[in-house]
Amino acid sequence: MVTWQKKGEDHYDDVEQWETVPNEDGTFQTTSRLTVKDWQTEDYTCVVQHKSLEKDIVKRVIEREIRRNQDIETRGPSMKRGAGYGKTNTSDTESENSELKPAVKA
């Protein structure tokens, strides 16, 4: 599950959530988009929850990503059908949360 928070509280306005879809390799992906209007005065975070994670992945949305209108990707263990999961060959190394365990792609 992918959710958004504004100033530490759950935020549902201006959020688009796509369904979870399979990839050709048996993994799955989902997309969640938050449209940010007043980004300079607000504090937004993306929260990824999955039963395979020891704790939630929380990624703060930073100004550089908003100004460039960049997608924020969180990658880590890929959920596979049937036999569990395997690690991807990419990771989040640029964010302030990069010390966290790998995340599910959001």
PDB file of N, CA and C in Angstrom:
ATOM      1  N   MET A   1       0.834  -1.161   0.000  1.00  0.00           N
ATOM      2  CA  MET A   1       0.000   0.000   0.000  1.00  0.00           C
ATOM      3  C   MET A   1       0.892   1.240   0.000  1.00  0.00           C
ATOM      4  N   VAL A   2       0.518   2.231  -0.799  1.00  0.00           N
ATOM      5  CA  VAL A   2       1.232   3.501  -0.860  1.00  0.00           C
ATOM      6  C   VAL A   2       0.275   4.590  -0.399  1.00  0.00           C
ATOM      7  N   THR A   3       0.693   5.361   0.600  1.00  0.00           N
ATOM      8  CA  THR A   3      -0.120   6.471   1.092  1.00  0.00           C
ATOM      9  C   THR A   3       0.744   7.718   1.199  1.00  0.00           C
ATOM     10  N   TRP A   4       0.094   8.849   1.386  1.00  0.00           N
ATOM     11  CA  TRP A   4       0.781  10.136   1.511  1.00  0.00           C
ATOM     12  C   TRP A   4       0.440  10.780   2.843  1.00  0.00           C
ATOM     13  N   GLN A   5       1.393  11.546   3.357  1.00  0.00           N
ATOM     14  CA  GLN A   5       1.164  12.319   4.575  1.00  0.00           C
ATOM     15  C   GLN A   5       1.554  13.769   4.328  1.00  0.00           C
ATOM     16  N   LYS A   6       0.824  14.657   4.996  1.00  0.00           N
ATOM     17  CA  LYS A   6       1.117  16.090   4.965  1.00  0.00           C
ATOM     18  C   LYS A   6       1.290  16.520   6.412  1.00  0.00           C
ATOM     19  N   LYS A   7       2.469  17.007   6.742  1.00  0.00           N
ATOM     20  CA  LYS A   7       2.799  17.394   8.118  1.00  0.00           C
ATOM     21  C   LYS A   7       2.537  16.248   9.096  1.00  0.00           C
ATOM     22  N   GLY A   8       2.832  15.017   8.676  1.00  0.00           N
ATOM     23  CA  GLY A   8       2.710  13.857   9.546  1.00  0.00           C
ATOM     24  C   GLY A   8       1.322  13.259   9.661  1.00  0.00           C
ATOM     25  N   GLU A   9       0.335  13.843   9.008  1.00  0.00           N
ATOM     26  CA  GLU A   9      -1.044  13.341   9.042  1.00  0.00           C
ATOM     27  C   GLU A   9      -1.407  12.748   7.683  1.00  0.00           C
ATOM     28  N   ASP A  10      -2.234  11.689   7.683  1.00  0.00           N
ATOM     29  CA  ASP A  10      -2.663  11.087   6.426  1.00  0.00           C
ATOM     30  C   ASP A  10      -3.299  12.139   5.528  1.00  0.00           C
ATOM     31  N   HIS A  11      -2.969  12.082   4.239  1.00  0.00           N
ATOM     32  CA  HIS A  11      -3.425  13.081   3.272  1.00  0.00           C
ATOM     33  C   HIS A  11      -4.025  12.359   2.062  1.00  0.00           C
ATOM     34  N   TYR A  12      -5.284  12.656   1.754  1.00  0.00           N
ATOM     35  CA  TYR A  12      -5.982  11.966   0.672  1.00  0.00           C
ATOM     36  C   TYR A  12      -6.347  12.880  -0.495  1.00  0.00           C
ATOM     37  N   ASP A  13      -6.321  14.199  -0.277  1.00  0.00           N
ATOM     38  CA  ASP A  13      -6.683  15.139  -1.335  1.00  0.00           C
ATOM     39  C   ASP A  13      -5.605  15.162  -2.416  1.00  0.00           C
ATOM     40  N   ASP A  14      -6.032  15.309  -3.657  1.00  0.00           N
ATOM     41  CA  ASP A  14      -5.118  15.439  -4.792  1.00  0.00           C
ATOM     42  C   ASP A  14      -4.193  14.235  -4.960  1.00  0.00           C
ATOM     43  N   VAL A  15      -4.677  13.051  -4.605  1.00  0.00           N
ATOM     44  CA  VAL A  15      -3.898  11.818  -4.746  1.00  0.00           C
ATOM     45  C   VAL A  15      -4.555  10.942  -5.810  1.00  0.00           C
ATOM     46  N   GLU A  16      -3.748  10.474  -6.747  1.00  0.00           N
ATOM     47  CA  GLU A  16      -4.203   9.507  -7.748  1.00  0.00           C
ATOM     48  C   GLU A  16      -3.484   8.193  -7.470  1.00  0.00           C
ATOM     49  N   GLN A  17      -4.236   7.106  -7.414  1.00  0.00           N
ATOM     50  CA  GLN A  17      -3.655   5.786  -7.137  1.00  0.00           C
ATOM     51  C   GLN A  17      -4.029   4.852  -8.276  1.00  0.00           C
ATOM     52  N   TRP A  18      -3.032   4.262  -8.911  1.00  0.00           N
ATOM     53  CA  TRP A  18      -3.277   3.294  -9.961  1.00  0.00           C
ATOM     54  C   TRP A  18      -3.318   1.898  -9.359  1.00  0.00           C
ATOM     55  N   GLU A  19      -3.932   0.984 -10.071  1.00  0.00           N
ATOM     56  CA  GLU A  19      -3.993  -0.387  -9.581  1.00  0.00           C
ATOM     57  C   GLU A  19      -2.614  -1.043  -9.666  1.00  0.00           C
ATOM     58  N   THR A  20      -2.428  -2.075  -8.887  1.00  0.00           N
ATOM     59  CA  THR A  20      -1.193  -2.849  -8.930  1.00  0.00           C
ATOM     60  C   THR A  20      -1.241  -3.733 -10.165  1.00  0.00           C
ATOM     61  N   VAL A  21      -0.172  -3.708 -10.950  1.00  0.00           N
ATOM     62  CA  VAL A  21      -0.135  -4.464 -12.202  1.00  0.00           C
ATOM     63  C   VAL A  21       1.100  -5.359 -12.237  1.00  0.00           C
ATOM     64  N   PRO A  22       1.007  -6.489 -12.944  1.00  0.00           N
ATOM     65  CA  PRO A  22       2.155  -7.402 -13.028  1.00  0.00           C
ATOM     66  C   PRO A  22       3.178  -6.934 -14.062  1.00  0.00           C
ATOM     67  N   ASN A  23       4.431  -7.235 -13.807  1.00  0.00           N
ATOM     68  CA  ASN A  23       5.512  -7.045 -14.773  1.00  0.00           C
ATOM     69  C   ASN A  23       5.763  -8.378 -15.470  1.00  0.00           C
ATOM     70  N   GLU A  24       6.494  -8.347 -16.571  1.00  0.00           N
ATOM     71  CA  GLU A  24       6.780  -9.570 -17.329  1.00  0.00           C
ATOM     72  C   GLU A  24       7.585 -10.585 -16.528  1.00  0.00           C
ATOM     73  N   ASP A  25       8.380 -10.115 -15.559  1.00  0.00           N
ATOM     74  CA  ASP A  25       9.245 -11.026 -14.797  1.00  0.00           C
ATOM     75  C   ASP A  25       8.567 -11.613 -13.560  1.00  0.00           C
ATOM     76  N   GLY A  26       7.264 -11.383 -13.409  1.00  0.00           N
ATOM     77  CA  GLY A  26       6.540 -11.941 -12.270  1.00  0.00           C
ATOM     78  C   GLY A  26       6.460 -11.019 -11.071  1.00  0.00           C
ATOM     79  N   THR A  27       7.129  -9.853 -11.137  1.00  0.00           N
ATOM     80  CA  THR A  27       7.021  -8.873 -10.058  1.00  0.00           C
ATOM     81  C   THR A  27       5.812  -7.983 -10.323  1.00  0.00           C
ATOM     82  N   PHE A  28       5.510  -7.123  -9.385  1.00  0.00           N
ATOM     83  CA  PHE A  28       4.380  -6.224  -9.515  1.00  0.00           C
ATOM     84  C   PHE A  28       4.832  -4.788  -9.290  1.00  0.00           C
ATOM     85  N   GLN A  29       4.022  -3.824  -9.786  1.00  0.00           N
ATOM     86  CA  GLN A  29       4.304  -2.418  -9.539  1.00  0.00           C
ATOM     87  C   GLN A  29       3.009  -1.640  -9.370  1.00  0.00           C
ATOM     88  N   THR A  30       3.112  -0.494  -8.715  1.00  0.00           N
ATOM     89  CA  THR A  30       1.976   0.401  -8.569  1.00  0.00           C
ATOM     90  C   THR A  30       2.483   1.829  -8.644  1.00  0.00           C
ATOM     91  N   THR A  31       1.593   2.743  -8.926  1.00  0.00           N
ATOM     92  CA  THR A  31       1.940   4.159  -8.986  1.00  0.00           C
ATOM     93  C   THR A  31       0.942   4.940  -8.157  1.00  0.00           C
ATOM     94  N   SER A  32       1.450   5.884  -7.400  1.00  0.00           N
ATOM     95  CA  SER A  32       0.621   6.801  -6.631  1.00  0.00           C
ATOM     96  C   SER A  32       1.154   8.199  -6.888  1.00  0.00           C
ATOM     97  N   ARG A  33       0.276   9.133  -7.248  1.00  0.00           N
ATOM     98  CA  ARG A  33       0.707  10.489  -7.571  1.00  0.00           C
ATOM     99  C   ARG A  33       0.007  11.494  -6.666  1.00  0.00           C
ATOM    100  N   LEU A  34       0.796  12.360  -6.068  1.00  0.00           N
ATOM    101  CA  LEU A  34       0.289  13.462  -5.254  1.00  0.00           C
ATOM    102  C   LEU A  34       0.543  14.749  -6.014  1.00  0.00           C
ATOM    103  N   THR A  35      -0.502  15.523  -6.274  1.00  0.00           N
ATOM    104  CA  THR A  35      -0.350  16.829  -6.894  1.00  0.00           C
ATOM    105  C   THR A  35      -0.146  17.842  -5.783  1.00  0.00           C
ATOM    106  N   VAL A  36       1.018  18.481  -5.782  1.00  0.00           N
ATOM    107  CA  VAL A  36       1.403  19.395  -4.707  1.00  0.00           C
ATOM    108  C   VAL A  36       1.222  20.823  -5.180  1.00  0.00           C
ATOM    109  N   LYS A  37       0.461  21.607  -4.406  1.00  0.00           N
ATOM    110  CA  LYS A  37       0.212  22.995  -4.774  1.00  0.00           C
ATOM    111  C   LYS A  37       1.111  23.946  -3.996  1.00  0.00           C
ATOM    112  N   ASP A  38       1.077  23.867  -2.695  1.00  0.00           N
ATOM    113  CA  ASP A  38       1.816  24.796  -1.850  1.00  0.00           C
ATOM    114  C   ASP A  38       3.020  24.082  -1.245  1.00  0.00           C
ATOM    115  N   TRP A  39       3.961  23.679  -2.092  1.00  0.00           N
ATOM    116  CA  TRP A  39       5.059  22.815  -1.673  1.00  0.00           C
ATOM    117  C   TRP A  39       6.077  23.498  -0.777  1.00  0.00           C
ATOM    118  N   GLN A  40       6.180  24.816  -0.830  1.00  0.00           N
ATOM    119  CA  GLN A  40       7.205  25.497  -0.035  1.00  0.00           C
ATOM    120  C   GLN A  40       6.859  25.566   1.446  1.00  0.00           C
ATOM    121  N   THR A  41       5.584  25.519   1.772  1.00  0.00           N
ATOM    122  CA  THR A  41       5.191  25.644   3.178  1.00  0.00           C
ATOM    123  C   THR A  41       4.686  24.346   3.777  1.00  0.00           C
ATOM    124  N   GLU A  42       4.680  23.290   3.008  1.00  0.00           N
ATOM    125  CA  GLU A  42       4.160  22.017   3.492  1.00  0.00           C
ATOM    126  C   GLU A  42       5.264  20.967   3.571  1.00  0.00           C
ATOM    127  N   ASP A  43       5.000  19.920   4.328  1.00  0.00           N
ATOM    128  CA  ASP A  43       5.944  18.817   4.501  1.00  0.00           C
ATOM    129  C   ASP A  43       5.226  17.533   4.094  1.00  0.00           C
ATOM    130  N   TYR A  44       5.579  16.979   2.932  1.00  0.00           N
ATOM    131  CA  TYR A  44       4.923  15.786   2.409  1.00  0.00           C
ATOM    132  C   TYR A  44       5.848  14.576   2.505  1.00  0.00           C
ATOM    133  N   THR A  45       5.254  13.419   2.786  1.00  0.00           N
ATOM    134  CA  THR A  45       5.998  12.166   2.786  1.00  0.00           C
ATOM    135  C   THR A  45       5.175  11.090   2.090  1.00  0.00           C
ATOM    136  N   CYS A  46       5.882  10.157   1.474  1.00  0.00           N
ATOM    137  CA  CYS A  46       5.273   8.985   0.861  1.00  0.00           C
ATOM    138  C   CYS A  46       5.548   7.807   1.787  1.00  0.00           C
ATOM    139  N   VAL A  47       4.511   7.029   2.084  1.00  0.00           N
ATOM    140  CA  VAL A  47       4.644   5.893   2.995  1.00  0.00           C
ATOM    141  C   VAL A  47       4.313   4.611   2.230  1.00  0.00           C
ATOM    142  N   VAL A  48       5.248   3.657   2.250  1.00  0.00           N
ATOM    143  CA  VAL A  48       5.050   2.365   1.588  1.00  0.00           C
ATOM    144  C   VAL A  48       4.935   1.296   2.663  1.00  0.00           C
ATOM    145  N   GLN A  49       3.850   0.520   2.596  1.00  0.00           N
ATOM    146  CA  GLN A  49       3.623  -0.565   3.548  1.00  0.00           C
ATOM    147  C   GLN A  49       3.438  -1.869   2.777  1.00  0.00           C
ATOM    148  N   HIS A  50       4.077  -2.925   3.268  1.00  0.00           N
ATOM    149  CA  HIS A  50       3.886  -4.250   2.689  1.00  0.00           C
ATOM    150  C   HIS A  50       4.244  -5.285   3.743  1.00  0.00           C
ATOM    151  N   LYS A  51       3.568  -6.417   3.706  1.00  0.00           N
ATOM    152  CA  LYS A  51       3.796  -7.444   4.728  1.00  0.00           C
ATOM    153  C   LYS A  51       5.218  -7.991   4.715  1.00  0.00           C
ATOM    154  N   SER A  52       5.952  -7.837   3.621  1.00  0.00           N
ATOM    155  CA  SER A  52       7.331  -8.332   3.558  1.00  0.00           C
ATOM    156  C   SER A  52       8.337  -7.383   4.215  1.00  0.00           C
ATOM    157  N   LEU A  53       7.914  -6.170   4.534  1.00  0.00           N
ATOM    158  CA  LEU A  53       8.819  -5.181   5.129  1.00  0.00           C
ATOM    159  C   LEU A  53       8.779  -5.260   6.647  1.00  0.00           C
ATOM    160  N   GLU A  54       9.934  -5.133   7.281  1.00  0.00           N
ATOM    161  CA  GLU A  54       9.986  -5.134   8.742  1.00  0.00           C
ATOM    162  C   GLU A  54       9.353  -3.877   9.320  1.00  0.00           C
ATOM    163  N   LYS A  55       9.497  -2.757   8.607  1.00  0.00           N
ATOM    164  CA  LYS A  55       8.846  -1.513   9.021  1.00  0.00           C
ATOM    165  C   LYS A  55       8.494  -0.718   7.772  1.00  0.00           C
ATOM    166  N   ASP A  56       7.580   0.237   7.935  1.00  0.00           N
ATOM    167  CA  ASP A  56       7.159   1.060   6.808  1.00  0.00           C
ATOM    168  C   ASP A  56       8.347   1.822   6.227  1.00  0.00           C
ATOM    169  N   ILE A  57       8.298   2.051   4.921  1.00  0.00           N
ATOM    170  CA  ILE A  57       9.273   2.910   4.264  1.00  0.00           C
ATOM    171  C   ILE A  57       8.647   4.296   4.180  1.00  0.00           C
ATOM    172  N   VAL A  58       9.347   5.291   4.671  1.00  0.00           N
ATOM    173  CA  VAL A  58       8.848   6.664   4.664  1.00  0.00           C
ATOM    174  C   VAL A  58       9.856   7.520   3.908  1.00  0.00           C
ATOM    175  N   LYS A  59       9.410   8.142   2.818  1.00  0.00           N
ATOM    176  CA  LYS A  59      10.300   8.976   2.016  1.00  0.00           C
ATOM    177  C   LYS A  59       9.751  10.393   1.968  1.00  0.00           C
ATOM    178  N   ARG A  60      10.518  11.319   2.478  1.00  0.00           N
ATOM    179  CA  ARG A  60      10.138  12.732   2.463  1.00  0.00           C
ATOM    180  C   ARG A  60      10.299  13.271   1.050  1.00  0.00           C
ATOM    181  N   VAL A  61       9.311  14.045   0.605  1.00  0.00           N
ATOM    182  CA  VAL A  61       9.372  14.668  -0.709  1.00  0.00           C
ATOM    183  C   VAL A  61      10.223  15.926  -0.575  1.00  0.00           C
ATOM    184  N   ILE A  62      11.287  16.002  -1.370  1.00  0.00           N
ATOM    185  CA  ILE A  62      12.201  17.133  -1.240  1.00  0.00           C
ATOM    186  C   ILE A  62      11.989  18.158  -2.352  1.00  0.00           C
ATOM    187  N   GLU A  63      12.374  19.396  -2.065  1.00  0.00           N
ATOM    188  CA  GLU A  63      12.141  20.521  -2.970  1.00  0.00           C
ATOM    189  C   GLU A  63      12.695  20.274  -4.371  1.00  0.00           C
ATOM    190  N   ARG A  64      13.888  19.718  -4.471  1.00  0.00           N
ATOM    191  CA  ARG A  64      14.512  19.490  -5.778  1.00  0.00           C
ATOM    192  C   ARG A  64      13.623  18.623  -6.672  1.00  0.00           C
ATOM    193  N   GLU A  65      13.008  17.595  -6.106  1.00  0.00           N
ATOM    194  CA  GLU A  65      12.148  16.706  -6.887  1.00  0.00           C
ATOM    195  C   GLU A  65      10.868  17.410  -7.311  1.00  0.00           C
ATOM    196  N   ILE A  66      10.332  18.251  -6.436  1.00  0.00           N
ATOM    197  CA  ILE A  66       9.097  18.966  -6.758  1.00  0.00           C
ATOM    198  C   ILE A  66       9.356  20.019  -7.828  1.00  0.00           C
ATOM    199  N   ARG A  67      10.413  20.802  -7.680  1.00  0.00           N
ATOM    200  CA  ARG A  67      10.725  21.859  -8.647  1.00  0.00           C
ATOM    201  C   ARG A  67      10.932  21.298 -10.050  1.00  0.00           C
ATOM    202  N   ARG A  68      11.515  20.138 -10.153  1.00  0.00           N
ATOM    203  CA  ARG A  68      11.781  19.518 -11.455  1.00  0.00           C
ATOM    204  C   ARG A  68      10.616  18.661 -11.924  1.00  0.00           C
ATOM    205  N   ASN A  69       9.564  18.575 -11.118  1.00  0.00           N
ATOM    206  CA  ASN A  69       8.414  17.732 -11.422  1.00  0.00           C
ATOM    207  C   ASN A  69       8.862  16.291 -11.665  1.00  0.00           C
ATOM    208  N   GLN A  70       9.785  15.828 -10.830  1.00  0.00           N
ATOM    209  CA  GLN A  70      10.329  14.480 -10.975  1.00  0.00           C
ATOM    210  C   GLN A  70       9.440  13.450 -10.297  1.00  0.00           C
ATOM    211  N   ASP A  71       9.423  12.264 -10.871  1.00  0.00           N
ATOM    212  CA  ASP A  71       8.811  11.133 -10.188  1.00  0.00           C
ATOM    213  C   ASP A  71       9.729  10.725  -9.049  1.00  0.00           C
ATOM    214  N   ILE A  72       9.147  10.307  -7.950  1.00  0.00           N
ATOM    215  CA  ILE A  72       9.918   9.826  -6.812  1.00  0.00           C
ATOM    216  C   ILE A  72       9.769   8.318  -6.799  1.00  0.00           C
ATOM    217  N   GLU A  73      10.847   7.609  -7.034  1.00  0.00           N
ATOM    218  CA  GLU A  73      10.792   6.153  -7.054  1.00  0.00           C
ATOM    219  C   GLU A  73      11.438   5.578  -5.818  1.00  0.00           C
ATOM    220  N   THR A  74      10.802   4.571  -5.297  1.00  0.00           N
ATOM    221  CA  THR A  74      11.369   3.812  -4.192  1.00  0.00           C
ATOM    222  C   THR A  74      11.435   2.374  -4.665  1.00  0.00           C
ATOM    223  N   ARG A  75      12.627   1.829  -4.745  1.00  0.00           N
ATOM    224  CA  ARG A  75      12.798   0.463  -5.245  1.00  0.00           C
ATOM    225  C   ARG A  75      13.451  -0.394  -4.182  1.00  0.00           C
ATOM    226  N   GLY A  76      13.196  -1.670  -4.259  1.00  0.00           N
ATOM    227  CA  GLY A  76      13.786  -2.599  -3.310  1.00  0.00           C
ATOM    228  C   GLY A  76      13.324  -3.995  -3.634  1.00  0.00           C
ATOM    229  N   PRO A  77      12.929  -4.773  -2.627  1.00  0.00           N
ATOM    230  CA  PRO A  77      12.450  -6.118  -2.930  1.00  0.00           C
ATOM    231  C   PRO A  77      11.278  -6.055  -3.893  1.00  0.00           C
ATOM    232  N   SER A  78      11.293  -6.894  -4.884  1.00  0.00           N
ATOM    233  CA  SER A  78      10.204  -6.963  -5.845  1.00  0.00           C
ATOM    234  C   SER A  78       9.284  -8.096  -5.442  1.00  0.00           C
ATOM    235  N   MET A  79       8.011  -7.829  -5.365  1.00  0.00           N
ATOM    236  CA  MET A  79       7.057  -8.848  -4.966  1.00  0.00           C
ATOM    237  C   MET A  79       6.804  -9.784  -6.141  1.00  0.00           C
ATOM    238  N   LYS A  80       7.004 -11.060  -5.926  1.00  0.00           N
ATOM    239  CA  LYS A  80       6.799 -12.057  -6.976  1.00  0.00           C
ATOM    240  C   LYS A  80       5.579 -12.904  -6.666  1.00  0.00           C
ATOM    241  N   ARG A  81       4.965 -13.391  -7.711  1.00  0.00           N
ATOM    242  CA  ARG A  81       3.856 -14.313  -7.543  1.00  0.00           C
ATOM    243  C   ARG A  81       4.359 -15.619  -6.975  1.00  0.00           C
ATOM    244  N   GLY A  82       3.639 -16.155  -6.025  1.00  0.00           N
ATOM    245  CA  GLY A  82       3.960 -17.486  -5.532  1.00  0.00           C
ATOM    246  C   GLY A  82       5.147 -17.568  -4.600  1.00  0.00           C
ATOM    247  N   ALA A  83       6.352 -17.596  -5.116  1.00  0.00           N
ATOM    248  CA  ALA A  83       7.534 -17.981  -4.347  1.00  0.00           C
ATOM    249  C   ALA A  83       8.173 -16.869  -3.527  1.00  0.00           C
ATOM    250  N   GLY A  84       7.473 -15.835  -3.161  1.00  0.00           N
ATOM    251  CA  GLY A  84       8.070 -14.801  -2.317  1.00  0.00           C
ATOM    252  C   GLY A  84       8.583 -13.641  -3.122  1.00  0.00           C
ATOM    253  N   TYR A  85       9.778 -13.149  -2.783  1.00  0.00           N
ATOM    254  CA  TYR A  85      10.322 -11.991  -3.469  1.00  0.00           C
ATOM    255  C   TYR A  85      11.822 -12.119  -3.641  1.00  0.00           C
ATOM    256  N   GLY A  86      12.343 -11.281  -4.527  1.00  0.00           N
ATOM    257  CA  GLY A  86      13.788 -11.208  -4.742  1.00  0.00           C
ATOM    258  C   GLY A  86      14.204  -9.759  -4.822  1.00  0.00           C
ATOM    259  N   LYS A  87      15.461  -9.479  -4.555  1.00  0.00           N
ATOM    260  CA  LYS A  87      15.941  -8.101  -4.575  1.00  0.00           C
ATOM    261  C   LYS A  87      16.147  -7.624  -6.005  1.00  0.00           C
ATOM    262  N   THR A  88      15.901  -6.326  -6.212  1.00  0.00           N
ATOM    263  CA  THR A  88      16.179  -5.722  -7.505  1.00  0.00           C
ATOM    264  C   THR A  88      17.632  -5.291  -7.540  1.00  0.00           C
ATOM    265  N   ASN A  89      18.097  -4.854  -8.698  1.00  0.00           N
ATOM    266  CA  ASN A  89      19.480  -4.413  -8.810  1.00  0.00           C
ATOM    267  C   ASN A  89      19.623  -2.903  -8.656  1.00  0.00           C
ATOM    268  N   THR A  90      18.586  -2.224  -8.178  1.00  0.00           N
ATOM    269  CA  THR A  90      18.653  -0.780  -7.961  1.00  0.00           C
ATOM    270  C   THR A  90      18.296  -0.468  -6.523  1.00  0.00           C
ATOM    271  N   SER A  91      18.676   0.725  -6.086  1.00  0.00           N
ATOM    272  CA  SER A  91      18.341   1.131  -4.720  1.00  0.00           C
ATOM    273  C   SER A  91      18.236   2.639  -4.638  1.00  0.00           C
ATOM    274  N   ASP A  92      17.665   3.115  -3.561  1.00  0.00           N
ATOM    275  CA  ASP A  92      17.519   4.536  -3.286  1.00  0.00           C
ATOM    276  C   ASP A  92      18.740   4.981  -2.491  1.00  0.00           C
ATOM    277  N   THR A  93      19.660   5.680  -3.131  1.00  0.00           N
ATOM    278  CA  THR A  93      20.880   6.095  -2.439  1.00  0.00           C
ATOM    279  C   THR A  93      21.003   7.602  -2.318  1.00  0.00           C
ATOM    280  N   GLU A  94      20.049   8.350  -2.892  1.00  0.00           N
ATOM    281  CA  GLU A  94      20.173   9.801  -2.891  1.00  0.00           C
ATOM    282  C   GLU A  94      19.324  10.495  -1.843  1.00  0.00           C
ATOM    283  N   SER A  95      18.361   9.832  -1.260  1.00  0.00           N
ATOM    284  CA  SER A  95      17.464  10.506  -0.329  1.00  0.00           C
ATOM    285  C   SER A  95      17.992  10.452   1.091  1.00  0.00           C
ATOM    286  N   GLU A  96      17.366  11.252   1.943  1.00  0.00           N
ATOM    287  CA  GLU A  96      17.761  11.253   3.351  1.00  0.00           C
ATOM    288  C   GLU A  96      17.402   9.945   4.034  1.00  0.00           C
ATOM    289  N   ASN A  97      16.554   9.124   3.393  1.00  0.00           N
ATOM    290  CA  ASN A  97      16.138   7.848   3.969  1.00  0.00           C
ATOM    291  C   ASN A  97      16.892   6.671   3.371  1.00  0.00           C
ATOM    292  N   SER A  98      17.990   6.923   2.672  1.00  0.00           N
ATOM    293  CA  SER A  98      18.675   5.840   1.971  1.00  0.00           C
ATOM    294  C   SER A  98      19.272   4.803   2.901  1.00  0.00           C
ATOM    295  N   GLU A  99      19.366   5.107   4.200  1.00  0.00           N
ATOM    296  CA  GLU A  99      19.889   4.121   5.129  1.00  0.00           C
ATOM    297  C   GLU A  99      18.843   3.074   5.497  1.00  0.00           C
ATOM    298  N   LEU A 100      17.605   3.282   5.064  1.00  0.00           N
ATOM    299  CA  LEU A 100      16.544   2.325   5.358  1.00  0.00           C
ATOM    300  C   LEU A 100      16.716   1.076   4.516  1.00  0.00           C
ATOM    301  N   LYS A 101      16.052   0.015   4.932  1.00  0.00           N
ATOM    302  CA  LYS A 101      16.067  -1.217   4.149  1.00  0.00           C
ATOM    303  C   LYS A 101      15.373  -0.952   2.822  1.00  0.00           C
ATOM    304  N   PRO A 102      15.638  -1.743   1.799  1.00  0.00           N
ATOM    305  CA  PRO A 102      15.026  -1.532   0.491  1.00  0.00           C
ATOM    306  C   PRO A 102      13.505  -1.493   0.583  1.00  0.00           C
ATOM    307  N   ALA A 103      12.915  -0.729  -0.310  1.00  0.00           N
ATOM    308  CA  ALA A 103      11.468  -0.534  -0.303  1.00  0.00           C
ATOM    309  C   ALA A 103      10.831  -1.207  -1.498  1.00  0.00           C
ATOM    310  N   VAL A 104       9.534  -1.365  -1.431  1.00  0.00           N
ATOM    311  CA  VAL A 104       8.752  -1.848  -2.553  1.00  0.00           C
ATOM    312  C   VAL A 104       8.625  -0.702  -3.534  1.00  0.00           C
ATOM    313  N   LYS A 105       8.718  -0.952  -4.831  1.00  0.00           N
ATOM    314  CA  LYS A 105       8.620   0.111  -5.817  1.00  0.00           C
ATOM    315  C   LYS A 105       7.286   0.809  -5.672  1.00  0.00           C
ATOM    316  N   ALA A 106       7.324   2.115  -5.598  1.00  0.00           N
ATOM    317  CA  ALA A 106       6.107   2.915  -5.457  1.00  0.00           C
ATOM    318  C   ALA A 106       5.886   3.754  -6.675  1.00  0.00           C
TER     319      ALA A 106
END
